[in-house]
Amino acid sequence: MSAQSPFILPLRGLGNGHYAYDLTIDDDFFASFENSPVAHANVQLRLTVDRQQREMTLGFDFSGTIGTDCDRCLAAINLPIEDQRHLLVKFTPDADELEEEGELIYLHPDTSLFDVAPYAYEMVLLAVPMIRTFECREGEPPYPCDEEMLARIESSTEAFDDDQQDSEDDGKPSPWDVLKDL
């Protein structure tokens, strides 16, 4: 059985109404996508479906962790993610001629199966922050962070602050002083 199999909705047997599915997005799910930037994950997805005659609304409510490297200390961390997103599906005979528009997609009314795996994949990746940092010393130890790297960062920050203060105290005019008169 494929890691994406639970993400295939049988539209033919899905009557009008509300449906809910509890799905897991894990390592196997991300491995099924070529060149996935995520190798390790444990995300719980609550997929809600509101099926109507001519449209369907999908709600993606998920939370969990993604395995990545901390951008601050370079240690391997399990970064918590959480998000809610929606996708609107319209059923139209012209679905082949229409393009997807962000959170709106078109399907032919005779479509029997709908694979939501690519959309779940995209939404989870969009929930991962661009700067992946972990609050290194919060919570209970053991901390996942690289203490040696954090010590180096702190010492270089202190040295930079000392250099800044020394340059302000040495009496030399700053090249930025000219801008103060504008």
C-alpha atoms as a PDB file:
ATOM      1  CA  MET A   1       0.000   0.000   0.000  1.00  0.00           C
ATOM      2  CA  SER A   2       1.327   3.402  -1.001  1.00  0.00           C
ATOM      3  CA  ALA A   3       1.975   6.110   1.575  1.00  0.00           C
ATOM      4  CA  GLN A   4      -0.427   8.283  -0.416  1.00  0.00           C
ATOM      5  CA  SER A   5      -3.303   5.760  -0.562  1.00  0.00           C
ATOM      6  CA  PRO A   6      -5.164   7.106   2.493  1.00  0.00           C
ATOM      7  CA  PHE A   7      -5.163  10.539   0.812  1.00  0.00           C
ATOM      8  CA  ILE A   8      -7.256   9.392  -2.161  1.00  0.00           C
ATOM      9  CA  LEU A   9     -10.915  10.378  -1.784  1.00  0.00           C
ATOM     10  CA  PRO A  10     -13.530   8.252  -3.580  1.00  0.00           C
ATOM     11  CA  LEU A  11     -15.716  11.036  -4.996  1.00  0.00           C
ATOM     12  CA  ARG A  12     -18.161   8.685  -6.688  1.00  0.00           C
ATOM     13  CA  GLY A  13     -19.329   7.216  -3.381  1.00  0.00           C
ATOM     14  CA  LEU A  14     -19.129  10.487  -1.478  1.00  0.00           C
ATOM     15  CA  GLY A  15     -22.610  11.958  -1.140  1.00  0.00           C
ATOM     16  CA  ASN A  16     -23.421  15.516  -0.129  1.00  0.00           C
ATOM     17  CA  GLY A  17     -22.531  16.255   3.478  1.00  0.00           C
ATOM     18  CA  HIS A  18     -19.675  16.644   5.930  1.00  0.00           C
ATOM     19  CA  TYR A  19     -16.886  14.092   6.333  1.00  0.00           C
ATOM     20  CA  ALA A  20     -13.763  13.984   8.495  1.00  0.00           C
ATOM     21  CA  TYR A  21     -10.573  11.969   8.056  1.00  0.00           C
ATOM     22  CA  ASP A  22      -7.662  11.647  10.483  1.00  0.00           C
ATOM     23  CA  LEU A  23      -4.446  11.139   8.524  1.00  0.00           C
ATOM     24  CA  THR A  24      -0.751  10.942   9.393  1.00  0.00           C
ATOM     25  CA  ILE A  25       1.982  12.638   7.403  1.00  0.00           C
ATOM     26  CA  ASP A  26       5.236  10.860   8.169  1.00  0.00           C
ATOM     27  CA  ASP A  27       8.615   9.917   6.701  1.00  0.00           C
ATOM     28  CA  ASP A  28       7.073   7.514   4.161  1.00  0.00           C
ATOM     29  CA  PHE A  29       4.656  10.196   2.947  1.00  0.00           C
ATOM     30  CA  PHE A  30       7.471  12.679   2.248  1.00  0.00           C
ATOM     31  CA  ALA A  31       9.640   9.938   0.709  1.00  0.00           C
ATOM     32  CA  SER A  32       6.923   9.343  -1.889  1.00  0.00           C
ATOM     33  CA  PHE A  33       7.572  12.835  -3.314  1.00  0.00           C
ATOM     34  CA  GLU A  34      10.662  13.235  -5.456  1.00  0.00           C
ATOM     35  CA  ASN A  35      13.278  15.708  -4.128  1.00  0.00           C
ATOM     36  CA  SER A  36      11.319  16.392  -0.946  1.00  0.00           C
ATOM     37  CA  PRO A  37      13.126  18.843   1.361  1.00  0.00           C
ATOM     38  CA  VAL A  38      11.746  16.973   4.386  1.00  0.00           C
ATOM     39  CA  ALA A  39      13.031  13.533   5.365  1.00  0.00           C
ATOM     40  CA  HIS A  40      11.531  13.169   8.848  1.00  0.00           C
ATOM     41  CA  ALA A  41       8.067  14.222   9.953  1.00  0.00           C
ATOM     42  CA  ASN A  42       5.304  13.371  12.353  1.00  0.00           C
ATOM     43  CA  VAL A  43       2.284  15.506  11.505  1.00  0.00           C
ATOM     44  CA  GLN A  44      -1.317  14.722  12.354  1.00  0.00           C
ATOM     45  CA  LEU A  45      -3.775  15.982   9.736  1.00  0.00           C
ATOM     46  CA  ARG A  46      -7.503  16.418  10.269  1.00  0.00           C
ATOM     47  CA  LEU A  47      -9.039  16.597   6.794  1.00  0.00           C
ATOM     48  CA  THR A  48     -12.627  17.824   6.706  1.00  0.00           C
ATOM     49  CA  VAL A  49     -14.694  17.581   3.551  1.00  0.00           C
ATOM     50  CA  ASP A  50     -17.881  19.544   2.916  1.00  0.00           C
ATOM     51  CA  ARG A  51     -19.299  17.989  -0.252  1.00  0.00           C
ATOM     52  CA  GLN A  52     -22.016  19.843  -2.142  1.00  0.00           C
ATOM     53  CA  GLN A  53     -23.555  19.245  -5.565  1.00  0.00           C
ATOM     54  CA  ARG A  54     -21.246  21.551  -7.569  1.00  0.00           C
ATOM     55  CA  GLU A  55     -18.365  22.165  -5.182  1.00  0.00           C
ATOM     56  CA  MET A  56     -16.422  20.736  -2.293  1.00  0.00           C
ATOM     57  CA  THR A  57     -14.521  22.487   0.486  1.00  0.00           C
ATOM     58  CA  LEU A  58     -11.531  20.742   2.016  1.00  0.00           C
ATOM     59  CA  GLY A  59     -10.192  21.859   5.372  1.00  0.00           C
ATOM     60  CA  PHE A  60      -6.623  20.943   6.335  1.00  0.00           C
ATOM     61  CA  ASP A  61      -5.980  21.310  10.073  1.00  0.00           C
ATOM     62  CA  PHE A  62      -2.603  19.903  11.060  1.00  0.00           C
ATOM     63  CA  SER A  63       0.047  19.997  13.745  1.00  0.00           C
ATOM     64  CA  GLY A  64       3.191  18.064  14.501  1.00  0.00           C
ATOM     65  CA  THR A  65       6.924  18.208  13.952  1.00  0.00           C
ATOM     66  CA  ILE A  66       9.282  18.340  10.980  1.00  0.00           C
ATOM     67  CA  GLY A  67      12.880  17.118  11.238  1.00  0.00           C
ATOM     68  CA  THR A  68      15.307  19.832  10.137  1.00  0.00           C
ATOM     69  CA  ASP A  69      18.514  21.582  11.151  1.00  0.00           C
ATOM     70  CA  CYS A  70      18.343  24.637  13.398  1.00  0.00           C
ATOM     71  CA  ASP A  71      19.446  27.745  11.506  1.00  0.00           C
ATOM     72  CA  ARG A  72      20.990  29.139  14.702  1.00  0.00           C
ATOM     73  CA  CYS A  73      23.082  26.288  16.084  1.00  0.00           C
ATOM     74  CA  LEU A  74      22.964  23.768  13.181  1.00  0.00           C
ATOM     75  CA  ALA A  75      21.749  20.932  15.436  1.00  0.00           C
ATOM     76  CA  ALA A  76      19.137  18.451  14.214  1.00  0.00           C
ATOM     77  CA  ILE A  77      15.771  19.456  15.713  1.00  0.00           C
ATOM     78  CA  ASN A  78      12.132  18.490  15.516  1.00  0.00           C
ATOM     79  CA  LEU A  79      10.570  21.812  14.574  1.00  0.00           C
ATOM     80  CA  PRO A  80       6.938  22.182  15.670  1.00  0.00           C
ATOM     81  CA  ILE A  81       4.496  23.285  12.954  1.00  0.00           C
ATOM     82  CA  GLU A  82       0.794  23.998  13.031  1.00  0.00           C
ATOM     83  CA  ASP A  83      -1.604  25.489  10.503  1.00  0.00           C
ATOM     84  CA  GLN A  84      -5.114  25.538   9.063  1.00  0.00           C
ATOM     85  CA  ARG A  85      -5.749  25.892   5.347  1.00  0.00           C
ATOM     86  CA  HIS A  86      -8.646  25.451   2.949  1.00  0.00           C
ATOM     87  CA  LEU A  87      -9.031  24.270  -0.607  1.00  0.00           C
ATOM     88  CA  LEU A  88     -12.116  24.863  -2.744  1.00  0.00           C
ATOM     89  CA  VAL A  89     -12.927  22.322  -5.451  1.00  0.00           C
ATOM     90  CA  LYS A  90     -15.453  23.262  -8.144  1.00  0.00           C
ATOM     91  CA  PHE A  91     -17.000  20.626 -10.372  1.00  0.00           C
ATOM     92  CA  THR A  92     -17.398  21.793 -13.970  1.00  0.00           C
ATOM     93  CA  PRO A  93     -17.412  20.086 -17.389  1.00  0.00           C
ATOM     94  CA  ASP A  94     -14.804  22.682 -18.505  1.00  0.00           C
ATOM     95  CA  ALA A  95     -12.302  21.563 -15.834  1.00  0.00           C
ATOM     96  CA  ASP A  96      -9.680  20.550 -18.408  1.00  0.00           C
ATOM     97  CA  GLU A  97      -9.599  24.064 -19.874  1.00  0.00           C
ATOM     98  CA  LEU A  98      -9.486  25.938 -16.561  1.00  0.00           C
ATOM     99  CA  GLU A  99      -6.336  26.501 -14.521  1.00  0.00           C
ATOM    100  CA  GLU A 100      -5.944  26.120 -10.787  1.00  0.00           C
ATOM    101  CA  GLU A 101      -5.989  29.476  -9.023  1.00  0.00           C
ATOM    102  CA  GLY A 102      -4.265  29.321  -5.654  1.00  0.00           C
ATOM    103  CA  GLU A 103      -6.769  27.681  -3.326  1.00  0.00           C
ATOM    104  CA  LEU A 104      -9.311  26.967  -6.083  1.00  0.00           C
ATOM    105  CA  ILE A 105      -9.126  23.918  -8.298  1.00  0.00           C
ATOM    106  CA  TYR A 106     -11.473  22.506 -10.919  1.00  0.00           C
ATOM    107  CA  LEU A 107     -12.516  18.886 -11.416  1.00  0.00           C
ATOM    108  CA  HIS A 108     -14.753  17.243 -13.992  1.00  0.00           C
ATOM    109  CA  PRO A 109     -18.100  16.097 -12.446  1.00  0.00           C
ATOM    110  CA  ASP A 110     -17.370  12.490 -13.521  1.00  0.00           C
ATOM    111  CA  THR A 111     -14.093  12.318 -11.566  1.00  0.00           C
ATOM    112  CA  SER A 112     -14.220   9.207  -9.410  1.00  0.00           C
ATOM    113  CA  LEU A 113     -11.019   9.578  -7.332  1.00  0.00           C
ATOM    114  CA  PHE A 114      -9.344  12.714  -6.004  1.00  0.00           C
ATOM    115  CA  ASP A 115      -5.796  12.585  -4.620  1.00  0.00           C
ATOM    116  CA  VAL A 116      -5.331  15.234  -1.919  1.00  0.00           C
ATOM    117  CA  ALA A 117      -1.762  14.112  -1.113  1.00  0.00           C
ATOM    118  CA  PRO A 118      -0.041  16.764  -3.294  1.00  0.00           C
ATOM    119  CA  TYR A 119      -2.119  19.493  -1.664  1.00  0.00           C
ATOM    120  CA  ALA A 120      -1.413  18.191   1.865  1.00  0.00           C
ATOM    121  CA  TYR A 121       2.293  18.031   0.967  1.00  0.00           C
ATOM    122  CA  GLU A 122       2.280  21.620  -0.285  1.00  0.00           C
ATOM    123  CA  MET A 123       0.343  22.964   2.708  1.00  0.00           C
ATOM    124  CA  VAL A 124       2.643  21.307   5.231  1.00  0.00           C
ATOM    125  CA  LEU A 125       5.718  22.669   3.442  1.00  0.00           C
ATOM    126  CA  LEU A 126       4.180  26.148   3.425  1.00  0.00           C
ATOM    127  CA  ALA A 127       3.733  25.911   7.199  1.00  0.00           C
ATOM    128  CA  VAL A 128       7.467  25.386   7.760  1.00  0.00           C
ATOM    129  CA  PRO A 129       8.979  28.784   8.625  1.00  0.00           C
ATOM    130  CA  MET A 130      11.698  30.204   6.390  1.00  0.00           C
ATOM    131  CA  ILE A 131      14.010  30.676   9.375  1.00  0.00           C
ATOM    132  CA  ARG A 132      14.072  27.406  11.259  1.00  0.00           C
ATOM    133  CA  THR A 133      15.172  28.081  14.793  1.00  0.00           C
ATOM    134  CA  PHE A 134      14.386  26.349  18.024  1.00  0.00           C
ATOM    135  CA  GLU A 135      14.152  28.094  21.368  1.00  0.00           C
ATOM    136  CA  CYS A 136      17.227  26.310  22.568  1.00  0.00           C
ATOM    137  CA  ARG A 137      16.999  26.592  26.316  1.00  0.00           C
ATOM    138  CA  GLU A 138      13.256  26.547  26.929  1.00  0.00           C
ATOM    139  CA  GLY A 139      11.476  23.642  28.531  1.00  0.00           C
ATOM    140  CA  GLU A 140      12.988  20.576  30.098  1.00  0.00           C
ATOM    141  CA  PRO A 141      16.532  19.347  29.359  1.00  0.00           C
ATOM    142  CA  PRO A 142      18.058  17.620  27.477  1.00  0.00           C
ATOM    143  CA  TYR A 143      18.075  20.374  24.906  1.00  0.00           C
ATOM    144  CA  PRO A 144      18.515  19.436  21.240  1.00  0.00           C
ATOM    145  CA  CYS A 145      20.854  22.343  20.598  1.00  0.00           C
ATOM    146  CA  ASP A 146      24.590  22.372  20.002  1.00  0.00           C
ATOM    147  CA  GLU A 147      25.858  24.078  23.180  1.00  0.00           C
ATOM    148  CA  GLU A 148      29.343  24.641  21.749  1.00  0.00           C
ATOM    149  CA  MET A 149      27.918  26.484  18.742  1.00  0.00           C
ATOM    150  CA  LEU A 150      25.641  28.592  20.966  1.00  0.00           C
ATOM    151  CA  ALA A 151      28.634  29.550  23.137  1.00  0.00           C
ATOM    152  CA  ARG A 152      30.542  30.641  20.013  1.00  0.00           C
ATOM    153  CA  ILE A 153      27.598  32.716  18.829  1.00  0.00           C
ATOM    154  CA  GLU A 154      27.276  34.401  22.216  1.00  0.00           C
ATOM    155  CA  SER A 155      31.003  35.176  22.451  1.00  0.00           C
ATOM    156  CA  SER A 156      31.122  36.613  18.912  1.00  0.00           C
ATOM    157  CA  THR A 157      28.038  38.736  19.635  1.00  0.00           C
ATOM    158  CA  GLU A 158      29.649  40.090  22.808  1.00  0.00           C
ATOM    159  CA  ALA A 159      32.898  40.820  20.930  1.00  0.00           C
ATOM    160  CA  PHE A 160      30.936  42.649  18.215  1.00  0.00           C
ATOM    161  CA  ASP A 161      29.090  44.729  20.817  1.00  0.00           C
ATOM    162  CA  ASP A 162      32.414  45.586  22.518  1.00  0.00           C
ATOM    163  CA  ASP A 163      33.935  46.637  19.163  1.00  0.00           C
ATOM    164  CA  GLN A 164      30.930  48.840  18.451  1.00  0.00           C
ATOM    165  CA  GLN A 165      31.210  50.509  21.832  1.00  0.00           C
ATOM    166  CA  ASP A 166      34.987  51.011  21.426  1.00  0.00           C
ATOM    167  CA  SER A 167      34.532  52.643  18.011  1.00  0.00           C
ATOM    168  CA  GLU A 168      31.956  55.029  19.492  1.00  0.00           C
ATOM    169  CA  ASP A 169      34.274  55.961  22.373  1.00  0.00           C
ATOM    170  CA  ASP A 170      37.509  56.476  20.384  1.00  0.00           C
ATOM    171  CA  GLY A 171      36.663  60.088  19.407  1.00  0.00           C
ATOM    172  CA  LYS A 172      36.963  59.538  15.654  1.00  0.00           C
ATOM    173  CA  PRO A 173      34.146  60.935  13.557  1.00  0.00           C
ATOM    174  CA  SER A 174      31.831  58.333  12.160  1.00  0.00           C
ATOM    175  CA  PRO A 175      31.088  58.373   8.431  1.00  0.00           C
ATOM    176  CA  TRP A 176      27.414  58.248   9.404  1.00  0.00           C
ATOM    177  CA  ASP A 177      27.602  61.565  11.293  1.00  0.00           C
ATOM    178  CA  VAL A 178      27.072  63.406   7.979  1.00  0.00           C
ATOM    179  CA  LEU A 179      23.625  61.836   7.690  1.00  0.00           C
ATOM    180  CA  LYS A 180      22.528  63.184  11.057  1.00  0.00           C
ATOM    181  CA  ASP A 181      22.471  66.748   9.607  1.00  0.00           C
ATOM    182  CA  LEU A 182      20.015  65.894   6.836  1.00  0.00           C
END
